[in-house]
């Protein structure tokens, strides 16, 4: 089991993504919630981020309710969308959780 890295802030949107990815290990998961889903609007930066995640086999999740509230269009199949009621299932799949 690996780590679940939860990113909720949007400091310059994609900056947090790369910061978290720097601490992520092979197979870790990254969950975007709250304002962090705004990074999904930056297609160019997100494409680079997703390529790096794929290279280290990190899974990227995003909370669909936060995406819908902010009116964001997700154009990446590699971002796994989950509902808030699925969060409790995600937590025990990981050894520890890190909030960013």
PDB file of N, CA and C in Angstrom:
ATOM      1  N   UNK A   1       0.840  -1.191   0.000  1.00  0.00           N
ATOM      2  CA  UNK A   1       0.000   0.000   0.000  1.00  0.00           C
ATOM      3  C   UNK A   1       0.879   1.246   0.000  1.00  0.00           C
ATOM      4  N   UNK A   2       0.428   2.251  -0.671  1.00  0.00           N
ATOM      5  CA  UNK A   2       1.189   3.485  -0.823  1.00  0.00           C
ATOM      6  C   UNK A   2       0.488   4.644  -0.133  1.00  0.00           C
ATOM      7  N   UNK A   3       0.960   5.844  -0.419  1.00  0.00           N
ATOM      8  CA  UNK A   3       0.439   7.055   0.206  1.00  0.00           C
ATOM      9  C   UNK A   3      -0.665   7.686  -0.626  1.00  0.00           C
ATOM     10  N   UNK A   4      -1.582   8.344   0.072  1.00  0.00           N
ATOM     11  CA  UNK A   4      -2.616   9.151  -0.563  1.00  0.00           C
ATOM     12  C   UNK A   4      -2.271  10.603  -0.262  1.00  0.00           C
ATOM     13  N   UNK A   5      -1.924  11.344  -1.289  1.00  0.00           N
ATOM     14  CA  UNK A   5      -1.563  12.754  -1.135  1.00  0.00           C
ATOM     15  C   UNK A   5      -2.779  13.584  -1.526  1.00  0.00           C
ATOM     16  N   UNK A   6      -3.333  14.302  -0.555  1.00  0.00           N
ATOM     17  CA  UNK A   6      -4.536  15.098  -0.769  1.00  0.00           C
ATOM     18  C   UNK A   6      -4.128  16.560  -0.925  1.00  0.00           C
ATOM     19  N   UNK A   7      -4.467  17.132  -2.072  1.00  0.00           N
ATOM     20  CA  UNK A   7      -4.158  18.541  -2.335  1.00  0.00           C
ATOM     21  C   UNK A   7      -5.472  19.307  -2.355  1.00  0.00           C
ATOM     22  N   UNK A   8      -5.585  20.328  -1.489  1.00  0.00           N
ATOM     23  CA  UNK A   8      -6.838  21.081  -1.424  1.00  0.00           C
ATOM     24  C   UNK A   8      -6.687  22.555  -1.765  1.00  0.00           C
ATOM     25  N   UNK A   9      -5.490  23.073  -1.731  1.00  0.00           N
ATOM     26  CA  UNK A   9      -5.282  24.488  -2.019  1.00  0.00           C
ATOM     27  C   UNK A   9      -4.889  24.687  -3.473  1.00  0.00           C
ATOM     28  N   UNK A  10      -4.984  25.929  -3.918  1.00  0.00           N
ATOM     29  CA  UNK A  10      -4.718  26.192  -5.334  1.00  0.00           C
ATOM     30  C   UNK A  10      -3.622  27.223  -5.540  1.00  0.00           C
ATOM     31  N   UNK A  11      -2.603  27.214  -4.700  1.00  0.00           N
ATOM     32  CA  UNK A  11      -1.527  28.183  -4.863  1.00  0.00           C
ATOM     33  C   UNK A  11      -1.016  28.130  -6.303  1.00  0.00           C
ATOM     34  N   UNK A  12      -1.360  29.142  -7.059  1.00  0.00           N
ATOM     35  CA  UNK A  12      -0.979  29.214  -8.476  1.00  0.00           C
ATOM     36  C   UNK A  12      -1.374  27.932  -9.218  1.00  0.00           C
ATOM     37  N   UNK A  13      -2.462  27.340  -8.793  1.00  0.00           N
ATOM     38  CA  UNK A  13      -3.033  26.125  -9.372  1.00  0.00           C
ATOM     39  C   UNK A  13      -2.050  24.972  -9.497  1.00  0.00           C
ATOM     40  N   UNK A  14      -1.235  24.941 -10.524  1.00  0.00           N
ATOM     41  CA  UNK A  14      -0.415  23.757 -10.772  1.00  0.00           C
ATOM     42  C   UNK A  14       0.856  23.682  -9.929  1.00  0.00           C
ATOM     43  N   UNK A  15       1.216  24.750  -9.234  1.00  0.00           N
ATOM     44  CA  UNK A  15       2.435  24.715  -8.416  1.00  0.00           C
ATOM     45  C   UNK A  15       2.348  23.616  -7.369  1.00  0.00           C
ATOM     46  N   UNK A  16       1.203  23.521  -6.692  1.00  0.00           N
ATOM     47  CA  UNK A  16       1.039  22.483  -5.667  1.00  0.00           C
ATOM     48  C   UNK A  16       1.134  21.090  -6.271  1.00  0.00           C
ATOM     49  N   UNK A  17       0.663  20.934  -7.465  1.00  0.00           N
ATOM     50  CA  UNK A  17       0.718  19.619  -8.102  1.00  0.00           C
ATOM     51  C   UNK A  17       2.160  19.141  -8.223  1.00  0.00           C
ATOM     52  N   UNK A  18       3.020  20.010  -8.713  1.00  0.00           N
ATOM     53  CA  UNK A  18       4.423  19.629  -8.894  1.00  0.00           C
ATOM     54  C   UNK A  18       5.151  19.481  -7.567  1.00  0.00           C
ATOM     55  N   UNK A  19       4.776  20.300  -6.577  1.00  0.00           N
ATOM     56  CA  UNK A  19       5.361  20.154  -5.240  1.00  0.00           C
ATOM     57  C   UNK A  19       5.027  18.774  -4.681  1.00  0.00           C
ATOM     58  N   UNK A  20       3.769  18.405  -4.746  1.00  0.00           N
ATOM     59  CA  UNK A  20       3.333  17.106  -4.222  1.00  0.00           C
ATOM     60  C   UNK A  20       3.972  15.968  -4.996  1.00  0.00           C
ATOM     61  N   UNK A  21       4.063  16.117  -6.299  1.00  0.00           N
ATOM     62  CA  UNK A  21       4.656  15.071  -7.123  1.00  0.00           C
ATOM     63  C   UNK A  21       6.122  14.855  -6.768  1.00  0.00           C
ATOM     64  N   UNK A  22       6.784  15.908  -6.336  1.00  0.00           N
ATOM     65  CA  UNK A  22       8.171  15.790  -5.913  1.00  0.00           C
ATOM     66  C   UNK A  22       8.343  14.905  -4.685  1.00  0.00           C
ATOM     67  N   UNK A  23       7.298  14.823  -3.867  1.00  0.00           N
ATOM     68  CA  UNK A  23       7.339  13.989  -2.666  1.00  0.00           C
ATOM     69  C   UNK A  23       6.685  12.627  -2.875  1.00  0.00           C
ATOM     70  N   UNK A  24       6.018  12.470  -3.986  1.00  0.00           N
ATOM     71  CA  UNK A  24       5.316  11.213  -4.258  1.00  0.00           C
ATOM     72  C   UNK A  24       6.305  10.118  -4.638  1.00  0.00           C
ATOM     73  N   UNK A  25       5.972   8.921  -4.231  1.00  0.00           N
ATOM     74  CA  UNK A  25       6.778   7.748  -4.574  1.00  0.00           C
ATOM     75  C   UNK A  25       6.054   6.933  -5.632  1.00  0.00           C
ATOM     76  N   UNK A  26       6.749   5.984  -6.177  1.00  0.00           N
ATOM     77  CA  UNK A  26       6.176   5.073  -7.166  1.00  0.00           C
ATOM     78  C   UNK A  26       4.870   4.486  -6.629  1.00  0.00           C
ATOM     79  N   UNK A  27       3.791   4.652  -7.379  1.00  0.00           N
ATOM     80  CA  UNK A  27       2.520   4.046  -7.016  1.00  0.00           C
ATOM     81  C   UNK A  27       1.652   4.836  -6.059  1.00  0.00           C
ATOM     82  N   UNK A  28       2.097   6.012  -5.612  1.00  0.00           N
ATOM     83  CA  UNK A  28       1.265   6.836  -4.732  1.00  0.00           C
ATOM     84  C   UNK A  28       0.062   7.372  -5.499  1.00  0.00           C
ATOM     85  N   UNK A  29      -0.951   7.790  -4.753  1.00  0.00           N
ATOM     86  CA  UNK A  29      -2.138   8.397  -5.348  1.00  0.00           C
ATOM     87  C   UNK A  29      -2.201   9.864  -4.958  1.00  0.00           C
ATOM     88  N   UNK A  30      -2.706  10.687  -5.864  1.00  0.00           N
ATOM     89  CA  UNK A  30      -2.873  12.114  -5.614  1.00  0.00           C
ATOM     90  C   UNK A  30      -4.347  12.439  -5.791  1.00  0.00           C
ATOM     91  N   UNK A  31      -4.929  13.058  -4.769  1.00  0.00           N
ATOM     92  CA  UNK A  31      -6.346  13.409  -4.779  1.00  0.00           C
ATOM     93  C   UNK A  31      -6.491  14.923  -4.777  1.00  0.00           C
ATOM     94  N   UNK A  32      -7.178  15.458  -5.783  1.00  0.00           N
ATOM     95  CA  UNK A  32      -7.441  16.892  -5.875  1.00  0.00           C
ATOM     96  C   UNK A  32      -8.834  17.174  -5.335  1.00  0.00           C
ATOM     97  N   UNK A  33      -8.911  18.064  -4.339  1.00  0.00           N
ATOM     98  CA  UNK A  33     -10.194  18.450  -3.758  1.00  0.00           C
ATOM     99  C   UNK A  33     -10.231  19.968  -3.602  1.00  0.00           C
ATOM    100  N   UNK A  34     -11.428  20.474  -3.318  1.00  0.00           N
ATOM    101  CA  UNK A  34     -11.648  21.898  -3.076  1.00  0.00           C
ATOM    102  C   UNK A  34     -11.027  22.733  -4.195  1.00  0.00           C
ATOM    103  N   UNK A  35     -10.262  23.764  -3.852  1.00  0.00           N
ATOM    104  CA  UNK A  35      -9.706  24.673  -4.862  1.00  0.00           C
ATOM    105  C   UNK A  35      -8.639  24.043  -5.746  1.00  0.00           C
ATOM    106  N   UNK A  36      -8.051  22.938  -5.327  1.00  0.00           N
ATOM    107  CA  UNK A  36      -7.001  22.292  -6.126  1.00  0.00           C
ATOM    108  C   UNK A  36      -7.525  21.774  -7.459  1.00  0.00           C
ATOM    109  N   UNK A  37      -8.828  21.514  -7.562  1.00  0.00           N
ATOM    110  CA  UNK A  37      -9.362  21.039  -8.845  1.00  0.00           C
ATOM    111  C   UNK A  37      -9.243  22.116  -9.920  1.00  0.00           C
ATOM    112  N   UNK A  38      -9.009  23.356  -9.523  1.00  0.00           N
ATOM    113  CA  UNK A  38      -8.804  24.434 -10.490  1.00  0.00           C
ATOM    114  C   UNK A  38      -7.612  24.183 -11.393  1.00  0.00           C
ATOM    115  N   UNK A  39      -6.676  23.377 -10.936  1.00  0.00           N
ATOM    116  CA  UNK A  39      -5.509  23.039 -11.764  1.00  0.00           C
ATOM    117  C   UNK A  39      -5.923  22.289 -13.023  1.00  0.00           C
ATOM    118  N   UNK A  40      -7.089  21.682 -13.002  1.00  0.00           N
ATOM    119  CA  UNK A  40      -7.566  20.944 -14.171  1.00  0.00           C
ATOM    120  C   UNK A  40      -7.906  21.876 -15.329  1.00  0.00           C
ATOM    121  N   UNK A  41      -8.017  23.170 -15.057  1.00  0.00           N
ATOM    122  CA  UNK A  41      -8.287  24.154 -16.111  1.00  0.00           C
ATOM    123  C   UNK A  41      -7.059  24.474 -16.947  1.00  0.00           C
ATOM    124  N   UNK A  42      -5.879  24.257 -16.407  1.00  0.00           N
ATOM    125  CA  UNK A  42      -4.638  24.580 -17.103  1.00  0.00           C
ATOM    126  C   UNK A  42      -4.182  23.356 -17.897  1.00  0.00           C
ATOM    127  N   UNK A  43      -4.681  23.226 -19.102  1.00  0.00           N
ATOM    128  CA  UNK A  43      -4.455  22.019 -19.906  1.00  0.00           C
ATOM    129  C   UNK A  43      -2.975  21.757 -20.206  1.00  0.00           C
ATOM    130  N   UNK A  44      -2.221  22.793 -20.509  1.00  0.00           N
ATOM    131  CA  UNK A  44      -0.810  22.607 -20.854  1.00  0.00           C
ATOM    132  C   UNK A  44      -0.016  22.099 -19.652  1.00  0.00           C
ATOM    133  N   UNK A  45      -0.184  22.745 -18.517  1.00  0.00           N
ATOM    134  CA  UNK A  45       0.527  22.332 -17.307  1.00  0.00           C
ATOM    135  C   UNK A  45       0.046  20.964 -16.842  1.00  0.00           C
ATOM    136  N   UNK A  46      -1.250  20.720 -16.953  1.00  0.00           N
ATOM    137  CA  UNK A  46      -1.809  19.444 -16.517  1.00  0.00           C
ATOM    138  C   UNK A  46      -1.288  18.291 -17.371  1.00  0.00           C
ATOM    139  N   UNK A  47      -1.113  18.519 -18.663  1.00  0.00           N
ATOM    140  CA  UNK A  47      -0.598  17.460 -19.542  1.00  0.00           C
ATOM    141  C   UNK A  47       0.792  17.022 -19.094  1.00  0.00           C
ATOM    142  N   UNK A  48       1.636  17.968 -18.752  1.00  0.00           N
ATOM    143  CA  UNK A  48       2.981  17.658 -18.275  1.00  0.00           C
ATOM    144  C   UNK A  48       2.917  16.918 -16.939  1.00  0.00           C
ATOM    145  N   UNK A  49       2.058  17.388 -16.045  1.00  0.00           N
ATOM    146  CA  UNK A  49       1.892  16.752 -14.736  1.00  0.00           C
ATOM    147  C   UNK A  49       1.413  15.309 -14.889  1.00  0.00           C
ATOM    148  N   UNK A  50       0.411  15.095 -15.745  1.00  0.00           N
ATOM    149  CA  UNK A  50      -0.144  13.753 -15.937  1.00  0.00           C
ATOM    150  C   UNK A  50       0.900  12.818 -16.543  1.00  0.00           C
ATOM    151  N   UNK A  51       1.736  13.324 -17.435  1.00  0.00           N
ATOM    152  CA  UNK A  51       2.794  12.496 -18.029  1.00  0.00           C
ATOM    153  C   UNK A  51       3.776  12.041 -16.952  1.00  0.00           C
ATOM    154  N   UNK A  52       4.108  12.930 -16.032  1.00  0.00           N
ATOM    155  CA  UNK A  52       5.021  12.570 -14.941  1.00  0.00           C
ATOM    156  C   UNK A  52       4.367  11.568 -13.991  1.00  0.00           C
ATOM    157  N   UNK A  53       3.073  11.733 -13.746  1.00  0.00           N
ATOM    158  CA  UNK A  53       2.352  10.778 -12.892  1.00  0.00           C
ATOM    159  C   UNK A  53       2.339   9.392 -13.524  1.00  0.00           C
ATOM    160  N   UNK A  54       2.091   9.334 -14.816  1.00  0.00           N
ATOM    161  CA  UNK A  54       2.086   8.047 -15.510  1.00  0.00           C
ATOM    162  C   UNK A  54       3.461   7.395 -15.457  1.00  0.00           C
ATOM    163  N   UNK A  55       4.509   8.190 -15.578  1.00  0.00           N
ATOM    164  CA  UNK A  55       5.869   7.651 -15.556  1.00  0.00           C
ATOM    165  C   UNK A  55       6.198   7.003 -14.219  1.00  0.00           C
ATOM    166  N   UNK A  56       5.641   7.534 -13.139  1.00  0.00           N
ATOM    167  CA  UNK A  56       5.910   6.933 -11.829  1.00  0.00           C
ATOM    168  C   UNK A  56       4.699   6.162 -11.308  1.00  0.00           C
ATOM    169  N   UNK A  57       3.811   5.805 -12.193  1.00  0.00           N
ATOM    170  CA  UNK A  57       2.601   5.030 -11.893  1.00  0.00           C
ATOM    171  C   UNK A  57       1.821   5.579 -10.701  1.00  0.00           C
ATOM    172  N   UNK A  58       1.660   6.900 -10.672  1.00  0.00           N
ATOM    173  CA  UNK A  58       0.814   7.539  -9.662  1.00  0.00           C
ATOM    174  C   UNK A  58      -0.572   7.752 -10.252  1.00  0.00           C
ATOM    175  N   UNK A  59      -1.586   7.456  -9.466  1.00  0.00           N
ATOM    176  CA  UNK A  59      -2.970   7.650  -9.886  1.00  0.00           C
ATOM    177  C   UNK A  59      -3.443   9.016  -9.413  1.00  0.00           C
ATOM    178  N   UNK A  60      -4.134   9.743 -10.287  1.00  0.00           N
ATOM    179  CA  UNK A  60      -4.675  11.054  -9.930  1.00  0.00           C
ATOM    180  C   UNK A  60      -6.190  10.946  -9.845  1.00  0.00           C
ATOM    181  N   UNK A  61      -6.715  11.341  -8.686  1.00  0.00           N
ATOM    182  CA  UNK A  61      -8.153  11.379  -8.449  1.00  0.00           C
ATOM    183  C   UNK A  61      -8.584  12.831  -8.296  1.00  0.00           C
ATOM    184  N   UNK A  62      -9.843  13.114  -8.611  1.00  0.00           N
ATOM    185  CA  UNK A  62     -10.410  14.442  -8.377  1.00  0.00           C
ATOM    186  C   UNK A  62     -11.850  14.265  -7.914  1.00  0.00           C
ATOM    187  N   UNK A  63     -12.246  15.093  -6.975  1.00  0.00           N
ATOM    188  CA  UNK A  63     -13.589  15.025  -6.408  1.00  0.00           C
ATOM    189  C   UNK A  63     -14.574  15.697  -7.360  1.00  0.00           C
ATOM    190  N   UNK A  64     -15.516  14.914  -7.862  1.00  0.00           N
ATOM    191  CA  UNK A  64     -16.425  15.400  -8.901  1.00  0.00           C
ATOM    192  C   UNK A  64     -17.319  16.535  -8.417  1.00  0.00           C
ATOM    193  N   UNK A  65     -17.717  16.513  -7.157  1.00  0.00           N
ATOM    194  CA  UNK A  65     -18.562  17.594  -6.643  1.00  0.00           C
ATOM    195  C   UNK A  65     -17.824  18.936  -6.687  1.00  0.00           C
ATOM    196  N   UNK A  66     -16.536  18.924  -6.370  1.00  0.00           N
ATOM    197  CA  UNK A  66     -15.746  20.160  -6.415  1.00  0.00           C
ATOM    198  C   UNK A  66     -15.557  20.641  -7.850  1.00  0.00           C
ATOM    199  N   UNK A  67     -15.423  19.719  -8.774  1.00  0.00           N
ATOM    200  CA  UNK A  67     -15.292  20.066 -10.193  1.00  0.00           C
ATOM    201  C   UNK A  67     -16.583  20.695 -10.704  1.00  0.00           C
ATOM    202  N   UNK A  68     -17.708  20.089 -10.357  1.00  0.00           N
ATOM    203  CA  UNK A  68     -19.001  20.593 -10.821  1.00  0.00           C
ATOM    204  C   UNK A  68     -19.320  21.966 -10.240  1.00  0.00           C
ATOM    205  N   UNK A  69     -19.054  22.159  -8.958  1.00  0.00           N
ATOM    206  CA  UNK A  69     -19.327  23.449  -8.313  1.00  0.00           C
ATOM    207  C   UNK A  69     -18.546  24.565  -8.993  1.00  0.00           C
ATOM    208  N   UNK A  70     -17.341  24.273  -9.429  1.00  0.00           N
ATOM    209  CA  UNK A  70     -16.475  25.283 -10.042  1.00  0.00           C
ATOM    210  C   UNK A  70     -16.636  25.355 -11.567  1.00  0.00           C
ATOM    211  N   UNK A  71     -17.491  24.506 -12.129  1.00  0.00           N
ATOM    212  CA  UNK A  71     -17.756  24.543 -13.564  1.00  0.00           C
ATOM    213  C   UNK A  71     -16.565  24.175 -14.427  1.00  0.00           C
ATOM    214  N   UNK A  72     -15.757  23.247 -13.943  1.00  0.00           N
ATOM    215  CA  UNK A  72     -14.543  22.849 -14.663  1.00  0.00           C
ATOM    216  C   UNK A  72     -14.850  21.692 -15.607  1.00  0.00           C
ATOM    217  N   UNK A  73     -14.317  21.785 -16.820  1.00  0.00           N
ATOM    218  CA  UNK A  73     -14.460  20.721 -17.809  1.00  0.00           C
ATOM    219  C   UNK A  73     -13.200  19.866 -17.774  1.00  0.00           C
ATOM    220  N   UNK A  74     -13.349  18.616 -17.408  1.00  0.00           N
ATOM    221  CA  UNK A  74     -12.196  17.719 -17.319  1.00  0.00           C
ATOM    222  C   UNK A  74     -12.038  16.988 -18.643  1.00  0.00           C
ATOM    223  N   UNK A  75     -10.926  17.243 -19.315  1.00  0.00           N
ATOM    224  CA  UNK A  75     -10.691  16.638 -20.614  1.00  0.00           C
ATOM    225  C   UNK A  75      -9.655  15.530 -20.598  1.00  0.00           C
ATOM    226  N   UNK A  76      -9.376  14.982 -19.432  1.00  0.00           N
ATOM    227  CA  UNK A  76      -8.360  13.934 -19.327  1.00  0.00           C
ATOM    228  C   UNK A  76      -8.975  12.649 -18.798  1.00  0.00           C
ATOM    229  N   UNK A  77      -8.881  11.590 -19.575  1.00  0.00           N
ATOM    230  CA  UNK A  77      -9.387  10.296 -19.124  1.00  0.00           C
ATOM    231  C   UNK A  77      -8.532   9.732 -18.000  1.00  0.00           C
ATOM    232  N   UNK A  78      -7.299  10.200 -17.898  1.00  0.00           N
ATOM    233  CA  UNK A  78      -6.397   9.651 -16.891  1.00  0.00           C
ATOM    234  C   UNK A  78      -6.646  10.211 -15.493  1.00  0.00           C
ATOM    235  N   UNK A  79      -7.515  11.219 -15.365  1.00  0.00           N
ATOM    236  CA  UNK A  79      -7.929  11.709 -14.048  1.00  0.00           C
ATOM    237  C   UNK A  79      -9.160  10.907 -13.646  1.00  0.00           C
ATOM    238  N   UNK A  80      -9.043  10.177 -12.540  1.00  0.00           N
ATOM    239  CA  UNK A  80     -10.152   9.360 -12.062  1.00  0.00           C
ATOM    240  C   UNK A  80     -11.068  10.217 -11.205  1.00  0.00           C
ATOM    241  N   UNK A  81     -12.304  10.387 -11.657  1.00  0.00           N
ATOM    242  CA  UNK A  81     -13.268  11.193 -10.912  1.00  0.00           C
ATOM    243  C   UNK A  81     -13.973  10.327  -9.878  1.00  0.00           C
ATOM    244  N   UNK A  82     -14.037  10.840  -8.639  1.00  0.00           N
ATOM    245  CA  UNK A  82     -14.727  10.114  -7.575  1.00  0.00           C
ATOM    246  C   UNK A  82     -15.708  11.048  -6.883  1.00  0.00           C
ATOM    247  N   UNK A  83     -16.734  10.457  -6.287  1.00  0.00           N
ATOM    248  CA  UNK A  83     -17.723  11.202  -5.512  1.00  0.00           C
ATOM    249  C   UNK A  83     -17.278  11.260  -4.052  1.00  0.00           C
ATOM    250  N   UNK A  84     -17.820  12.203  -3.329  1.00  0.00           N
ATOM    251  CA  UNK A  84     -17.468  12.368  -1.912  1.00  0.00           C
ATOM    252  C   UNK A  84     -17.761  11.103  -1.116  1.00  0.00           C
ATOM    253  N   UNK A  85     -18.817  10.385  -1.480  1.00  0.00           N
ATOM    254  CA  UNK A  85     -19.153   9.168  -0.724  1.00  0.00           C
ATOM    255  C   UNK A  85     -18.183   8.014  -1.010  1.00  0.00           C
ATOM    256  N   UNK A  86     -17.284   8.188  -1.977  1.00  0.00           N
ATOM    257  CA  UNK A  86     -16.270   7.174  -2.267  1.00  0.00           C
ATOM    258  C   UNK A  86     -14.966   7.408  -1.500  1.00  0.00           C
ATOM    259  N   UNK A  87     -14.821   8.564  -0.872  1.00  0.00           N
ATOM    260  CA  UNK A  87     -13.596   8.868  -0.124  1.00  0.00           C
ATOM    261  C   UNK A  87     -13.298   7.843   0.966  1.00  0.00           C
ATOM    262  N   UNK A  88     -14.288   7.420   1.749  1.00  0.00           N
ATOM    263  CA  UNK A  88     -13.975   6.423   2.786  1.00  0.00           C
ATOM    264  C   UNK A  88     -13.411   5.119   2.224  1.00  0.00           C
ATOM    265  N   UNK A  89     -13.736   4.780   0.994  1.00  0.00           N
ATOM    266  CA  UNK A  89     -13.191   3.571   0.367  1.00  0.00           C
ATOM    267  C   UNK A  89     -11.739   3.777  -0.073  1.00  0.00           C
ATOM    268  N   UNK A  90     -11.388   5.002  -0.400  1.00  0.00           N
ATOM    269  CA  UNK A  90     -10.049   5.313  -0.894  1.00  0.00           C
ATOM    270  C   UNK A  90      -9.004   5.304   0.227  1.00  0.00           C
ATOM    271  N   UNK A  91      -9.400   5.763   1.398  1.00  0.00           N
ATOM    272  CA  UNK A  91      -8.456   5.901   2.518  1.00  0.00           C
ATOM    273  C   UNK A  91      -7.812   4.580   2.937  1.00  0.00           C
ATOM    274  N   UNK A  92      -8.567   3.498   3.185  1.00  0.00           N
ATOM    275  CA  UNK A  92      -7.913   2.264   3.641  1.00  0.00           C
ATOM    276  C   UNK A  92      -7.054   1.571   2.576  1.00  0.00           C
ATOM    277  N   UNK A  93      -7.130   2.032   1.337  1.00  0.00           N
ATOM    278  CA  UNK A  93      -6.303   1.461   0.278  1.00  0.00           C
ATOM    279  C   UNK A  93      -4.875   1.992   0.334  1.00  0.00           C
ATOM    280  N   UNK A  94      -4.610   2.933   1.249  1.00  0.00           N
ATOM    281  CA  UNK A  94      -3.307   3.584   1.336  1.00  0.00           C
ATOM    282  C   UNK A  94      -2.741   3.465   2.744  1.00  0.00           C
ATOM    283  N   UNK A  95      -1.439   3.373   2.816  1.00  0.00           N
ATOM    284  CA  UNK A  95      -0.750   3.212   4.089  1.00  0.00           C
ATOM    285  C   UNK A  95      -0.884   4.454   4.961  1.00  0.00           C
ATOM    286  N   UNK A  96      -0.743   5.628   4.347  1.00  0.00           N
ATOM    287  CA  UNK A  96      -0.935   6.870   5.088  1.00  0.00           C
ATOM    288  C   UNK A  96      -1.447   7.954   4.151  1.00  0.00           C
ATOM    289  N   UNK A  97      -1.997   9.009   4.763  1.00  0.00           N
ATOM    290  CA  UNK A  97      -2.528  10.127   4.014  1.00  0.00           C
ATOM    291  C   UNK A  97      -1.716  11.373   4.363  1.00  0.00           C
ATOM    292  N   UNK A  98      -1.452  12.176   3.340  1.00  0.00           N
ATOM    293  CA  UNK A  98      -0.706  13.413   3.519  1.00  0.00           C
ATOM    294  C   UNK A  98      -1.533  14.539   2.918  1.00  0.00           C
ATOM    295  N   UNK A  99      -1.832  15.567   3.718  1.00  0.00           N
ATOM    296  CA  UNK A  99      -2.601  16.716   3.222  1.00  0.00           C
ATOM    297  C   UNK A  99      -1.648  17.794   2.753  1.00  0.00           C
ATOM    298  N   UNK A 100      -1.969  18.392   1.626  1.00  0.00           N
ATOM    299  CA  UNK A 100      -1.102  19.402   1.044  1.00  0.00           C
ATOM    300  C   UNK A 100      -1.849  20.706   0.944  1.00  0.00           C
TER     301      UNK A 100
END
